[in-house]
Amino acid sequence: MATADEQGGGIHIGSVQGAMAIGNHNTVTQYGGGAAPADAAQEELLRAVRALREDLARVVESPQTAALGTELADTETEIAGTGAAGPGRLARLRTALTDANAVVGLLSSGAAVGQAVAALVGG
């Protein structure tokens, strides 16, 4: 009598990162699309960036909020891809927050991003 491994039922996968396809007529699904945030401060920034992006979708767009939206999206992509937002990205995000302050100041999520950036750049 054949064992489970000999019958093909003994496949074990511990963890997968990247694209994976198994079996006949399969499709590829992407898992774990990048690096985890490097530390708690980067994780907090990522959460705050996502919240502010959601809030900005509910305000009337201006050139300043559009530029901020772009910087937020780029920051989210960088953290998700590399695990951290670099100093240049943080500086651009801080500038965009300042430029859109009239709207950002009204949103608690805007204050959270500002605090997270300040914690990472030291002030």
PDB file of N, CA and C in Angstrom:
ATOM      1  N   MET A   1       0.848  -1.172   0.000  1.00  0.00           N
ATOM      2  CA  MET A   1       0.000   0.000   0.000  1.00  0.00           C
ATOM      3  C   MET A   1       0.897   1.240   0.000  1.00  0.00           C
ATOM      4  N   ALA A   2       0.535   2.226  -0.799  1.00  0.00           N
ATOM      5  CA  ALA A   2       1.339   3.436  -0.942  1.00  0.00           C
ATOM      6  C   ALA A   2       1.099   4.386   0.221  1.00  0.00           C
ATOM      7  N   THR A   3       2.162   5.082   0.611  1.00  0.00           N
ATOM      8  CA  THR A   3       2.027   6.080   1.670  1.00  0.00           C
ATOM      9  C   THR A   3       1.436   7.351   1.090  1.00  0.00           C
ATOM     10  N   ALA A   4       1.070   8.284   1.966  1.00  0.00           N
ATOM     11  CA  ALA A   4       0.494   9.552   1.524  1.00  0.00           C
ATOM     12  C   ALA A   4       1.471  10.297   0.618  1.00  0.00           C
ATOM     13  N   ASP A   5       2.775  10.255   0.931  1.00  0.00           N
ATOM     14  CA  ASP A   5       3.763  10.935   0.098  1.00  0.00           C
ATOM     15  C   ASP A   5       3.837  10.316  -1.289  1.00  0.00           C
ATOM     16  N   GLU A   6       3.751   9.011  -1.360  1.00  0.00           N
ATOM     17  CA  GLU A   6       3.806   8.330  -2.656  1.00  0.00           C
ATOM     18  C   GLU A   6       2.553   8.580  -3.475  1.00  0.00           C
ATOM     19  N   GLN A   7       1.428   8.866  -2.831  1.00  0.00           N
ATOM     20  CA  GLN A   7       0.177   9.135  -3.527  1.00  0.00           C
ATOM     21  C   GLN A   7       0.062  10.600  -3.926  1.00  0.00           C
ATOM     22  N   GLY A   8       1.012  11.425  -3.546  1.00  0.00           N
ATOM     23  CA  GLY A   8       0.975  12.846  -3.896  1.00  0.00           C
ATOM     24  C   GLY A   8       0.266  13.702  -2.862  1.00  0.00           C
ATOM     25  N   GLY A   9      -0.162  13.112  -1.771  1.00  0.00           N
ATOM     26  CA  GLY A   9      -0.862  13.870  -0.740  1.00  0.00           C
ATOM     27  C   GLY A   9       0.053  14.384   0.340  1.00  0.00           C
ATOM     28  N   GLY A  10       1.346  14.213   0.182  1.00  0.00           N
ATOM     29  CA  GLY A  10       2.271  14.589   1.234  1.00  0.00           C
ATOM     30  C   GLY A  10       3.031  15.862   0.950  1.00  0.00           C
ATOM     31  N   ILE A  11       2.491  16.749   0.192  1.00  0.00           N
ATOM     32  CA  ILE A  11       3.178  18.009  -0.111  1.00  0.00           C
ATOM     33  C   ILE A  11       2.990  18.950   1.066  1.00  0.00           C
ATOM     34  N   HIS A  12       4.090  19.513   1.541  1.00  0.00           N
ATOM     35  CA  HIS A  12       4.041  20.444   2.660  1.00  0.00           C
ATOM     36  C   HIS A  12       4.758  21.725   2.257  1.00  0.00           C
ATOM     37  N   ILE A  13       4.112  22.839   2.469  1.00  0.00           N
ATOM     38  CA  ILE A  13       4.701  24.140   2.161  1.00  0.00           C
ATOM     39  C   ILE A  13       4.732  24.932   3.454  1.00  0.00           C
ATOM     40  N   GLY A  14       5.930  25.318   3.870  1.00  0.00           N
ATOM     41  CA  GLY A  14       6.077  26.058   5.119  1.00  0.00           C
ATOM     42  C   GLY A  14       5.662  27.507   4.988  1.00  0.00           C
ATOM     43  N   SER A  15       6.318  28.246   4.149  1.00  0.00           N
ATOM     44  CA  SER A  15       5.937  29.632   3.908  1.00  0.00           C
ATOM     45  C   SER A  15       6.323  29.981   2.485  1.00  0.00           C
ATOM     46  N   VAL A  16       5.582  30.912   1.922  1.00  0.00           N
ATOM     47  CA  VAL A  16       5.792  31.293   0.536  1.00  0.00           C
ATOM     48  C   VAL A  16       5.845  32.799   0.450  1.00  0.00           C
ATOM     49  N   GLN A  17       6.794  33.291  -0.310  1.00  0.00           N
ATOM     50  CA  GLN A  17       6.849  34.713  -0.602  1.00  0.00           C
ATOM     51  C   GLN A  17       7.166  34.847  -2.070  1.00  0.00           C
ATOM     52  N   GLY A  18       6.379  35.608  -2.786  1.00  0.00           N
ATOM     53  CA  GLY A  18       6.544  35.746  -4.223  1.00  0.00           C
ATOM     54  C   GLY A  18       5.452  35.008  -4.960  1.00  0.00           C
ATOM     55  N   ALA A  19       5.631  34.768  -6.225  1.00  0.00           N
ATOM     56  CA  ALA A  19       4.624  34.096  -7.034  1.00  0.00           C
ATOM     57  C   ALA A  19       4.712  32.591  -6.841  1.00  0.00           C
ATOM     58  N   MET A  20       3.555  31.931  -6.908  1.00  0.00           N
ATOM     59  CA  MET A  20       3.519  30.501  -6.674  1.00  0.00           C
ATOM     60  C   MET A  20       2.395  29.898  -7.518  1.00  0.00           C
ATOM     61  N   ALA A  21       2.653  28.753  -8.126  1.00  0.00           N
ATOM     62  CA  ALA A  21       1.628  28.008  -8.855  1.00  0.00           C
ATOM     63  C   ALA A  21       1.834  26.529  -8.586  1.00  0.00           C
ATOM     64  N   ILE A  22       0.757  25.826  -8.258  1.00  0.00           N
ATOM     65  CA  ILE A  22       0.842  24.400  -7.953  1.00  0.00           C
ATOM     66  C   ILE A  22      -0.297  23.688  -8.670  1.00  0.00           C
ATOM     67  N   GLY A  23       0.008  22.558  -9.294  1.00  0.00           N
ATOM     68  CA  GLY A  23      -1.027  21.700  -9.855  1.00  0.00           C
ATOM     69  C   GLY A  23      -1.386  22.022 -11.289  1.00  0.00           C
ATOM     70  N   ASN A  24      -2.260  21.180 -11.841  1.00  0.00           N
ATOM     71  CA  ASN A  24      -2.727  21.352 -13.213  1.00  0.00           C
ATOM     72  C   ASN A  24      -3.706  22.517 -13.312  1.00  0.00           C
ATOM     73  N   HIS A  25      -3.684  23.195 -14.444  1.00  0.00           N
ATOM     74  CA  HIS A  25      -4.629  24.290 -14.724  1.00  0.00           C
ATOM     75  C   HIS A  25      -4.600  25.335 -13.616  1.00  0.00           C
ATOM     76  N   ASN A  26      -3.419  25.673 -13.155  1.00  0.00           N
ATOM     77  CA  ASN A  26      -3.293  26.575 -12.027  1.00  0.00           C
ATOM     78  C   ASN A  26      -3.254  28.028 -12.468  1.00  0.00           C
ATOM     79  N   THR A  27      -3.380  28.908 -11.509  1.00  0.00           N
ATOM     80  CA  THR A  27      -3.171  30.339 -11.708  1.00  0.00           C
ATOM     81  C   THR A  27      -2.114  30.766 -10.704  1.00  0.00           C
ATOM     82  N   VAL A  28      -1.475  31.878 -10.974  1.00  0.00           N
ATOM     83  CA  VAL A  28      -0.422  32.376 -10.094  1.00  0.00           C
ATOM     84  C   VAL A  28      -1.004  33.470  -9.221  1.00  0.00           C
ATOM     85  N   THR A  29      -0.756  33.366  -7.933  1.00  0.00           N
ATOM     86  CA  THR A  29      -1.200  34.374  -6.982  1.00  0.00           C
ATOM     87  C   THR A  29       0.016  34.918  -6.268  1.00  0.00           C
ATOM     88  N   GLN A  30       0.114  36.236  -6.152  1.00  0.00           N
ATOM     89  CA  GLN A  30       1.241  36.876  -5.487  1.00  0.00           C
ATOM     90  C   GLN A  30       0.971  36.963  -3.994  1.00  0.00           C
ATOM     91  N   TYR A  31       1.882  36.439  -3.183  1.00  0.00           N
ATOM     92  CA  TYR A  31       1.783  36.510  -1.736  1.00  0.00           C
ATOM     93  C   TYR A  31       2.956  37.296  -1.190  1.00  0.00           C
ATOM     94  N   GLY A  32       2.727  38.055  -0.153  1.00  0.00           N
ATOM     95  CA  GLY A  32       3.805  38.712   0.556  1.00  0.00           C
ATOM     96  C   GLY A  32       4.532  39.749  -0.264  1.00  0.00           C
ATOM     97  N   GLY A  33       3.877  40.533  -1.077  1.00  0.00           N
ATOM     98  CA  GLY A  33       4.405  41.433  -2.075  1.00  0.00           C
ATOM     99  C   GLY A  33       5.553  42.344  -1.707  1.00  0.00           C
ATOM    100  N   GLY A  34       6.270  42.182  -0.666  1.00  0.00           N
ATOM    101  CA  GLY A  34       7.404  43.042  -0.388  1.00  0.00           C
ATOM    102  C   GLY A  34       7.920  42.813   1.009  1.00  0.00           C
ATOM    103  N   ALA A  35       8.716  43.758   1.447  1.00  0.00           N
ATOM    104  CA  ALA A  35       9.323  43.642   2.762  1.00  0.00           C
ATOM    105  C   ALA A  35       8.360  44.138   3.834  1.00  0.00           C
ATOM    106  N   ALA A  36       8.452  43.563   4.999  1.00  0.00           N
ATOM    107  CA  ALA A  36       7.692  44.069   6.146  1.00  0.00           C
ATOM    108  C   ALA A  36       8.347  45.377   6.589  1.00  0.00           C
ATOM    109  N   PRO A  37       7.562  46.282   7.180  1.00  0.00           N
ATOM    110  CA  PRO A  37       8.178  47.517   7.681  1.00  0.00           C
ATOM    111  C   PRO A  37       9.364  47.195   8.594  1.00  0.00           C
ATOM    112  N   ALA A  38      10.400  48.005   8.458  1.00  0.00           N
ATOM    113  CA  ALA A  38      11.666  47.751   9.144  1.00  0.00           C
ATOM    114  C   ALA A  38      11.561  47.819  10.660  1.00  0.00           C
ATOM    115  N   ASP A  39      10.686  48.658  11.170  1.00  0.00           N
ATOM    116  CA  ASP A  39      10.555  48.806  12.615  1.00  0.00           C
ATOM    117  C   ASP A  39       9.178  49.372  12.947  1.00  0.00           C
ATOM    118  N   ALA A  40       8.932  49.542  14.236  1.00  0.00           N
ATOM    119  CA  ALA A  40       7.623  50.015  14.691  1.00  0.00           C
ATOM    120  C   ALA A  40       7.317  51.419  14.176  1.00  0.00           C
ATOM    121  N   ALA A  41       8.319  52.274  14.069  1.00  0.00           N
ATOM    122  CA  ALA A  41       8.095  53.640  13.583  1.00  0.00           C
ATOM    123  C   ALA A  41       7.680  53.625  12.112  1.00  0.00           C
ATOM    124  N   GLN A  42       8.291  52.768  11.311  1.00  0.00           N
ATOM    125  CA  GLN A  42       7.908  52.657   9.901  1.00  0.00           C
ATOM    126  C   GLN A  42       6.507  52.059   9.771  1.00  0.00           C
ATOM    127  N   GLU A  43       6.190  51.088  10.617  1.00  0.00           N
ATOM    128  CA  GLU A  43       4.848  50.490  10.621  1.00  0.00           C
ATOM    129  C   GLU A  43       3.801  51.540  10.973  1.00  0.00           C
ATOM    130  N   GLU A  44       4.094  52.369  11.955  1.00  0.00           N
ATOM    131  CA  GLU A  44       3.169  53.434  12.353  1.00  0.00           C
ATOM    132  C   GLU A  44       2.988  54.435  11.215  1.00  0.00           C
ATOM    133  N   LEU A  45       4.084  54.792  10.563  1.00  0.00           N
ATOM    134  CA  LEU A  45       3.988  55.708   9.424  1.00  0.00           C
ATOM    135  C   LEU A  45       3.122  55.094   8.330  1.00  0.00           C
ATOM    136  N   LEU A  46       3.316  53.833   8.046  1.00  0.00           N
ATOM    137  CA  LEU A  46       2.527  53.171   7.011  1.00  0.00           C
ATOM    138  C   LEU A  46       1.038  53.203   7.351  1.00  0.00           C
ATOM    139  N   ARG A  47       0.683  52.908   8.602  1.00  0.00           N
ATOM    140  CA  ARG A  47      -0.730  52.964   9.015  1.00  0.00           C
ATOM    141  C   ARG A  47      -1.287  54.378   8.874  1.00  0.00           C
ATOM    142  N   ALA A  48      -0.514  55.367   9.304  1.00  0.00           N
ATOM    143  CA  ALA A  48      -0.969  56.756   9.237  1.00  0.00           C
ATOM    144  C   ALA A  48      -1.113  57.223   7.792  1.00  0.00           C
ATOM    145  N   VAL A  49      -0.182  56.829   6.938  1.00  0.00           N
ATOM    146  CA  VAL A  49      -0.242  57.190   5.519  1.00  0.00           C
ATOM    147  C   VAL A  49      -1.510  56.621   4.890  1.00  0.00           C
ATOM    148  N   ARG A  50      -1.808  55.378   5.178  1.00  0.00           N
ATOM    149  CA  ARG A  50      -3.008  54.747   4.615  1.00  0.00           C
ATOM    150  C   ARG A  50      -4.277  55.446   5.092  1.00  0.00           C
ATOM    151  N   ALA A  51      -4.322  55.809   6.368  1.00  0.00           N
ATOM    152  CA  ALA A  51      -5.497  56.506   6.908  1.00  0.00           C
ATOM    153  C   ALA A  51      -5.665  57.884   6.259  1.00  0.00           C
ATOM    154  N   LEU A  52      -4.564  58.611   6.096  1.00  0.00           N
ATOM    155  CA  LEU A  52      -4.657  59.939   5.483  1.00  0.00           C
ATOM    156  C   LEU A  52      -5.058  59.835   4.018  1.00  0.00           C
ATOM    157  N   ARG A  53      -4.575  58.841   3.320  1.00  0.00           N
ATOM    158  CA  ARG A  53      -4.987  58.644   1.923  1.00  0.00           C
ATOM    159  C   ARG A  53      -6.500  58.438   1.836  1.00  0.00           C
ATOM    160  N   GLU A  54      -7.043  57.652   2.748  1.00  0.00           N
ATOM    161  CA  GLU A  54      -8.495  57.439   2.768  1.00  0.00           C
ATOM    162  C   GLU A  54      -9.227  58.743   3.051  1.00  0.00           C
ATOM    163  N   ASP A  55      -8.743  59.515   4.026  1.00  0.00           N
ATOM    164  CA  ASP A  55      -9.394  60.783   4.365  1.00  0.00           C
ATOM    165  C   ASP A  55      -9.302  61.792   3.225  1.00  0.00           C
ATOM    166  N   LEU A  56      -8.160  61.835   2.542  1.00  0.00           N
ATOM    167  CA  LEU A  56      -8.004  62.785   1.436  1.00  0.00           C
ATOM    168  C   LEU A  56      -8.974  62.496   0.291  1.00  0.00           C
ATOM    169  N   ALA A  57      -9.385  61.263   0.154  1.00  0.00           N
ATOM    170  CA  ALA A  57     -10.336  60.912  -0.905  1.00  0.00           C
ATOM    171  C   ALA A  57     -11.690  61.575  -0.673  1.00  0.00           C
ATOM    172  N   ARG A  58     -11.940  62.061   0.548  1.00  0.00           N
ATOM    173  CA  ARG A  58     -13.231  62.665   0.880  1.00  0.00           C
ATOM    174  C   ARG A  58     -13.202  64.190   0.859  1.00  0.00           C
ATOM    175  N   VAL A  59     -12.075  64.788   0.530  1.00  0.00           N
ATOM    176  CA  VAL A  59     -12.005  66.256   0.501  1.00  0.00           C
ATOM    177  C   VAL A  59     -11.943  66.748  -0.942  1.00  0.00           C
ATOM    178  N   VAL A  60     -12.268  68.025  -1.119  1.00  0.00           N
ATOM    179  CA  VAL A  60     -12.176  68.630  -2.441  1.00  0.00           C
ATOM    180  C   VAL A  60     -10.700  68.737  -2.807  1.00  0.00           C
ATOM    181  N   GLU A  61     -10.352  68.219  -3.981  1.00  0.00           N
ATOM    182  CA  GLU A  61      -8.956  68.193  -4.398  1.00  0.00           C
ATOM    183  C   GLU A  61      -8.464  69.575  -4.797  1.00  0.00           C
ATOM    184  N   SER A  62      -7.265  69.872  -4.384  1.00  0.00           N
ATOM    185  CA  SER A  62      -6.548  71.074  -4.786  1.00  0.00           C
ATOM    186  C   SER A  62      -5.191  70.615  -5.304  1.00  0.00           C
ATOM    187  N   PRO A  63      -4.431  71.505  -5.906  1.00  0.00           N
ATOM    188  CA  PRO A  63      -3.084  71.090  -6.335  1.00  0.00           C
ATOM    189  C   PRO A  63      -2.235  70.584  -5.166  1.00  0.00           C
ATOM    190  N   GLN A  64      -2.410  71.191  -4.002  1.00  0.00           N
ATOM    191  CA  GLN A  64      -1.621  70.787  -2.836  1.00  0.00           C
ATOM    192  C   GLN A  64      -2.042  69.402  -2.327  1.00  0.00           C
ATOM    193  N   THR A  65      -3.356  69.141  -2.287  1.00  0.00           N
ATOM    194  CA  THR A  65      -3.792  67.829  -1.808  1.00  0.00           C
ATOM    195  C   THR A  65      -3.487  66.745  -2.844  1.00  0.00           C
ATOM    196  N   ALA A  66      -3.509  67.115  -4.125  1.00  0.00           N
ATOM    197  CA  ALA A  66      -3.133  66.141  -5.164  1.00  0.00           C
ATOM    198  C   ALA A  66      -1.658  65.764  -5.025  1.00  0.00           C
ATOM    199  N   ALA A  67      -0.805  66.757  -4.795  1.00  0.00           N
ATOM    200  CA  ALA A  67       0.626  66.486  -4.610  1.00  0.00           C
ATOM    201  C   ALA A  67       0.851  65.650  -3.351  1.00  0.00           C
ATOM    202  N   LEU A  68       0.106  65.964  -2.291  1.00  0.00           N
ATOM    203  CA  LEU A  68       0.214  65.176  -1.065  1.00  0.00           C
ATOM    204  C   LEU A  68      -0.241  63.744  -1.318  1.00  0.00           C
ATOM    205  N   GLY A  69      -1.315  63.574  -2.048  1.00  0.00           N
ATOM    206  CA  GLY A  69      -1.798  62.236  -2.369  1.00  0.00           C
ATOM    207  C   GLY A  69      -0.752  61.423  -3.108  1.00  0.00           C
ATOM    208  N   THR A  70      -0.051  62.062  -4.024  1.00  0.00           N
ATOM    209  CA  THR A  70       1.015  61.386  -4.760  1.00  0.00           C
ATOM    210  C   THR A  70       2.147  60.979  -3.819  1.00  0.00           C
ATOM    211  N   GLU A  71       2.551  61.886  -2.940  1.00  0.00           N
ATOM    212  CA  GLU A  71       3.631  61.568  -1.991  1.00  0.00           C
ATOM    213  C   GLU A  71       3.216  60.463  -1.025  1.00  0.00           C
ATOM    214  N   LEU A  72       1.954  60.473  -0.596  1.00  0.00           N
ATOM    215  CA  LEU A  72       1.470  59.413   0.286  1.00  0.00           C
ATOM    216  C   LEU A  72       1.507  58.066  -0.419  1.00  0.00           C
ATOM    217  N   ALA A  73       1.046  58.032  -1.665  1.00  0.00           N
ATOM    218  CA  ALA A  73       1.062  56.775  -2.433  1.00  0.00           C
ATOM    219  C   ALA A  73       2.489  56.288  -2.629  1.00  0.00           C
ATOM    220  N   ASP A  74       3.401  57.202  -2.955  1.00  0.00           N
ATOM    221  CA  ASP A  74       4.796  56.819  -3.157  1.00  0.00           C
ATOM    222  C   ASP A  74       5.433  56.327  -1.848  1.00  0.00           C
ATOM    223  N   THR A  75       5.066  56.957  -0.740  1.00  0.00           N
ATOM    224  CA  THR A  75       5.583  56.538   0.565  1.00  0.00           C
ATOM    225  C   THR A  75       5.080  55.146   0.904  1.00  0.00           C
ATOM    226  N   GLU A  76       3.792  54.911   0.690  1.00  0.00           N
ATOM    227  CA  GLU A  76       3.230  53.584   0.956  1.00  0.00           C
ATOM    228  C   GLU A  76       3.924  52.524   0.113  1.00  0.00           C
ATOM    229  N   THR A  77       4.134  52.818  -1.159  1.00  0.00           N
ATOM    230  CA  THR A  77       4.800  51.877  -2.059  1.00  0.00           C
ATOM    231  C   THR A  77       6.231  51.594  -1.593  1.00  0.00           C
ATOM    232  N   GLU A  78       6.945  52.634  -1.184  1.00  0.00           N
ATOM    233  CA  GLU A  78       8.328  52.456  -0.747  1.00  0.00           C
ATOM    234  C   GLU A  78       8.416  51.616   0.520  1.00  0.00           C
ATOM    235  N   ILE A  79       7.553  51.888   1.487  1.00  0.00           N
ATOM    236  CA  ILE A  79       7.584  51.107   2.724  1.00  0.00           C
ATOM    237  C   ILE A  79       7.192  49.664   2.447  1.00  0.00           C
ATOM    238  N   ALA A  80       6.155  49.474   1.636  1.00  0.00           N
ATOM    239  CA  ALA A  80       5.707  48.115   1.324  1.00  0.00           C
ATOM    240  C   ALA A  80       6.760  47.347   0.530  1.00  0.00           C
ATOM    241  N   GLY A  81       7.515  48.035  -0.303  1.00  0.00           N
ATOM    242  CA  GLY A  81       8.506  47.368  -1.140  1.00  0.00           C
ATOM    243  C   GLY A  81       9.844  47.143  -0.491  1.00  0.00           C
ATOM    244  N   THR A  82      10.282  48.089   0.341  1.00  0.00           N
ATOM    245  CA  THR A  82      11.628  47.997   0.910  1.00  0.00           C
ATOM    246  C   THR A  82      11.649  47.853   2.426  1.00  0.00           C
ATOM    247  N   GLY A  83      10.521  48.115   3.070  1.00  0.00           N
ATOM    248  CA  GLY A  83      10.464  48.034   4.523  1.00  0.00           C
ATOM    249  C   GLY A  83      10.631  49.359   5.223  1.00  0.00           C
ATOM    250  N   ALA A  84      11.015  50.408   4.470  1.00  0.00           N
ATOM    251  CA  ALA A  84      11.230  51.711   5.099  1.00  0.00           C
ATOM    252  C   ALA A  84      11.123  52.824   4.072  1.00  0.00           C
ATOM    253  N   ALA A  85      10.702  53.978   4.546  1.00  0.00           N
ATOM    254  CA  ALA A  85      10.739  55.190   3.731  1.00  0.00           C
ATOM    255  C   ALA A  85      12.081  55.855   4.005  1.00  0.00           C
ATOM    256  N   GLY A  86      12.811  56.144   2.948  1.00  0.00           N
ATOM    257  CA  GLY A  86      14.129  56.741   3.094  1.00  0.00           C
ATOM    258  C   GLY A  86      14.066  58.216   3.451  1.00  0.00           C
ATOM    259  N   PRO A  87      15.195  58.799   3.800  1.00  0.00           N
ATOM    260  CA  PRO A  87      15.242  60.209   4.196  1.00  0.00           C
ATOM    261  C   PRO A  87      14.698  61.170   3.132  1.00  0.00           C
ATOM    262  N   GLY A  88      15.009  60.917   1.868  1.00  0.00           N
ATOM    263  CA  GLY A  88      14.501  61.777   0.801  1.00  0.00           C
ATOM    264  C   GLY A  88      12.990  61.715   0.701  1.00  0.00           C
ATOM    265  N   ARG A  89      12.446  60.521   0.798  1.00  0.00           N
ATOM    266  CA  ARG A  89      10.985  60.342   0.752  1.00  0.00           C
ATOM    267  C   ARG A  89      10.335  61.054   1.922  1.00  0.00           C
ATOM    268  N   LEU A  90      10.918  60.904   3.122  1.00  0.00           N
ATOM    269  CA  LEU A  90      10.362  61.566   4.303  1.00  0.00           C
ATOM    270  C   LEU A  90      10.396  63.084   4.161  1.00  0.00           C
ATOM    271  N   ALA A  91      11.464  63.615   3.583  1.00  0.00           N
ATOM    272  CA  ALA A  91      11.555  65.066   3.376  1.00  0.00           C
ATOM    273  C   ALA A  91      10.493  65.545   2.400  1.00  0.00           C
ATOM    274  N   ARG A  92      10.293  64.804   1.301  1.00  0.00           N
ATOM    275  CA  ARG A  92       9.259  65.188   0.330  1.00  0.00           C
ATOM    276  C   ARG A  92       7.870  65.096   0.944  1.00  0.00           C
ATOM    277  N   LEU A  93       7.640  64.076   1.762  1.00  0.00           N
ATOM    278  CA  LEU A  93       6.343  63.923   2.421  1.00  0.00           C
ATOM    279  C   LEU A  93       6.105  65.065   3.396  1.00  0.00           C
ATOM    280  N   ARG A  94       7.125  65.419   4.139  1.00  0.00           N
ATOM    281  CA  ARG A  94       6.990  66.532   5.092  1.00  0.00           C
ATOM    282  C   ARG A  94       6.670  67.836   4.364  1.00  0.00           C
ATOM    283  N   THR A  95       7.319  68.083   3.243  1.00  0.00           N
ATOM    284  CA  THR A  95       7.045  69.285   2.450  1.00  0.00           C
ATOM    285  C   THR A  95       5.611  69.272   1.933  1.00  0.00           C
ATOM    286  N   ALA A  96       5.160  68.130   1.425  1.00  0.00           N
ATOM    287  CA  ALA A  96       3.793  68.027   0.911  1.00  0.00           C
ATOM    288  C   ALA A  96       2.772  68.234   2.027  1.00  0.00           C
ATOM    289  N   LEU A  97       3.060  67.724   3.223  1.00  0.00           N
ATOM    290  CA  LEU A  97       2.167  67.947   4.363  1.00  0.00           C
ATOM    291  C   LEU A  97       2.080  69.426   4.700  1.00  0.00           C
ATOM    292  N   THR A  98       3.215  70.096   4.688  1.00  0.00           N
ATOM    293  CA  THR A  98       3.239  71.535   4.974  1.00  0.00           C
ATOM    294  C   THR A  98       2.469  72.310   3.913  1.00  0.00           C
ATOM    295  N   ASP A  99       2.675  71.967   2.650  1.00  0.00           N
ATOM    296  CA  ASP A  99       2.001  72.670   1.556  1.00  0.00           C
ATOM    297  C   ASP A  99       0.486  72.495   1.604  1.00  0.00           C
ATOM    298  N   ALA A 100       0.018  71.346   2.066  1.00  0.00           N
ATOM    299  CA  ALA A 100      -1.417  71.066   2.124  1.00  0.00           C
ATOM    300  C   ALA A 100      -1.971  71.265   3.535  1.00  0.00           C
ATOM    301  N   ASN A 101      -1.287  72.037   4.337  1.00  0.00           N
ATOM    302  CA  ASN A 101      -1.638  72.197   5.745  1.00  0.00           C
ATOM    303  C   ASN A 101      -3.058  72.695   5.975  1.00  0.00           C
ATOM    304  N   ALA A 102      -3.601  73.510   5.081  1.00  0.00           N
ATOM    305  CA  ALA A 102      -4.953  74.033   5.273  1.00  0.00           C
ATOM    306  C   ALA A 102      -5.975  72.907   5.387  1.00  0.00           C
ATOM    307  N   VAL A 103      -5.776  71.837   4.629  1.00  0.00           N
ATOM    308  CA  VAL A 103      -6.689  70.693   4.684  1.00  0.00           C
ATOM    309  C   VAL A 103      -6.193  69.671   5.703  1.00  0.00           C
ATOM    310  N   VAL A 104      -4.912  69.389   5.677  1.00  0.00           N
ATOM    311  CA  VAL A 104      -4.346  68.358   6.549  1.00  0.00           C
ATOM    312  C   VAL A 104      -4.558  68.706   8.017  1.00  0.00           C
ATOM    313  N   GLY A 105      -4.500  69.980   8.349  1.00  0.00           N
ATOM    314  CA  GLY A 105      -4.688  70.401   9.728  1.00  0.00           C
ATOM    315  C   GLY A 105      -6.060  70.082  10.275  1.00  0.00           C
ATOM    316  N   LEU A 106      -7.018  69.873   9.406  1.00  0.00           N
ATOM    317  CA  LEU A 106      -8.376  69.542   9.830  1.00  0.00           C
ATOM    318  C   LEU A 106      -8.588  68.047  10.035  1.00  0.00           C
ATOM    319  N   LEU A 107      -7.637  67.242   9.612  1.00  0.00           N
ATOM    320  CA  LEU A 107      -7.782  65.792   9.656  1.00  0.00           C
ATOM    321  C   LEU A 107      -6.874  65.195  10.725  1.00  0.00           C
ATOM    322  N   SER A 108      -7.429  64.399  11.601  1.00  0.00           N
ATOM    323  CA  SER A 108      -6.597  63.774  12.636  1.00  0.00           C
ATOM    324  C   SER A 108      -5.567  62.845  12.009  1.00  0.00           C
ATOM    325  N   SER A 109      -5.916  62.236  10.870  1.00  0.00           N
ATOM    326  CA  SER A 109      -4.954  61.366  10.196  1.00  0.00           C
ATOM    327  C   SER A 109      -3.765  62.169   9.680  1.00  0.00           C
ATOM    328  N   GLY A 110      -3.988  63.423   9.330  1.00  0.00           N
ATOM    329  CA  GLY A 110      -2.890  64.285   8.894  1.00  0.00           C
ATOM    330  C   GLY A 110      -1.913  64.546  10.024  1.00  0.00           C
ATOM    331  N   ALA A 111      -2.451  64.776  11.213  1.00  0.00           N
ATOM    332  CA  ALA A 111      -1.590  64.981  12.379  1.00  0.00           C
ATOM    333  C   ALA A 111      -0.793  63.720  12.680  1.00  0.00           C
ATOM    334  N   ALA A 112      -1.411  62.554  12.520  1.00  0.00           N
ATOM    335  CA  ALA A 112      -0.715  61.290  12.780  1.00  0.00           C
ATOM    336  C   ALA A 112       0.448  61.091  11.825  1.00  0.00           C
ATOM    337  N   VAL A 113       0.272  61.421  10.541  1.00  0.00           N
ATOM    338  CA  VAL A 113       1.377  61.299   9.581  1.00  0.00           C
ATOM    339  C   VAL A 113       2.482  62.270   9.964  1.00  0.00           C
ATOM    340  N   GLY A 114       2.119  63.503  10.289  1.00  0.00           N
ATOM    341  CA  GLY A 114       3.118  64.490  10.677  1.00  0.00           C
ATOM    342  C   GLY A 114       3.927  64.039  11.888  1.00  0.00           C
ATOM    343  N   GLN A 115       3.269  63.453  12.864  1.00  0.00           N
ATOM    344  CA  GLN A 115       3.964  62.962  14.054  1.00  0.00           C
ATOM    345  C   GLN A 115       4.858  61.775  13.718  1.00  0.00           C
ATOM    346  N   ALA A 116       4.392  60.886  12.848  1.00  0.00           N
ATOM    347  CA  ALA A 116       5.194  59.719  12.481  1.00  0.00           C
ATOM    348  C   ALA A 116       6.438  60.139  11.711  1.00  0.00           C
ATOM    349  N   VAL A 117       6.289  61.097  10.800  1.00  0.00           N
ATOM    350  CA  VAL A 117       7.441  61.610  10.051  1.00  0.00           C
ATOM    351  C   VAL A 117       8.424  62.273  11.006  1.00  0.00           C
ATOM    352  N   ALA A 118       7.914  63.108  11.909  1.00  0.00           N
ATOM    353  CA  ALA A 118       8.784  63.800  12.871  1.00  0.00           C
ATOM    354  C   ALA A 118       9.571  62.796  13.715  1.00  0.00           C
ATOM    355  N   ALA A 119       8.920  61.710  14.107  1.00  0.00           N
ATOM    356  CA  ALA A 119       9.609  60.698  14.917  1.00  0.00           C
ATOM    357  C   ALA A 119      10.737  60.045  14.143  1.00  0.00           C
ATOM    358  N   LEU A 120      10.553  59.883  12.831  1.00  0.00           N
ATOM    359  CA  LEU A 120      11.582  59.220  12.013  1.00  0.00           C
ATOM    360  C   LEU A 120      12.735  60.148  11.633  1.00  0.00           C
ATOM    361  N   VAL A 121      12.440  61.432  11.464  1.00  0.00           N
ATOM    362  CA  VAL A 121      13.511  62.354  11.052  1.00  0.00           C
ATOM    363  C   VAL A 121      14.071  63.139  12.231  1.00  0.00           C
ATOM    364  N   GLY A 122      13.502  62.952  13.396  1.00  0.00           N
ATOM    365  CA  GLY A 122      14.047  63.587  14.596  1.00  0.00           C
ATOM    366  C   GLY A 122      13.597  64.994  14.806  1.00  0.00           C
ATOM    367  N   GLY A 123      12.336  65.265  14.647  1.00  0.00           N
ATOM    368  CA  GLY A 123      11.858  66.596  15.009  1.00  0.00           C
ATOM    369  C   GLY A 123      10.916  67.200  14.124  1.00  0.00           C
TER     370      GLY A 123
END
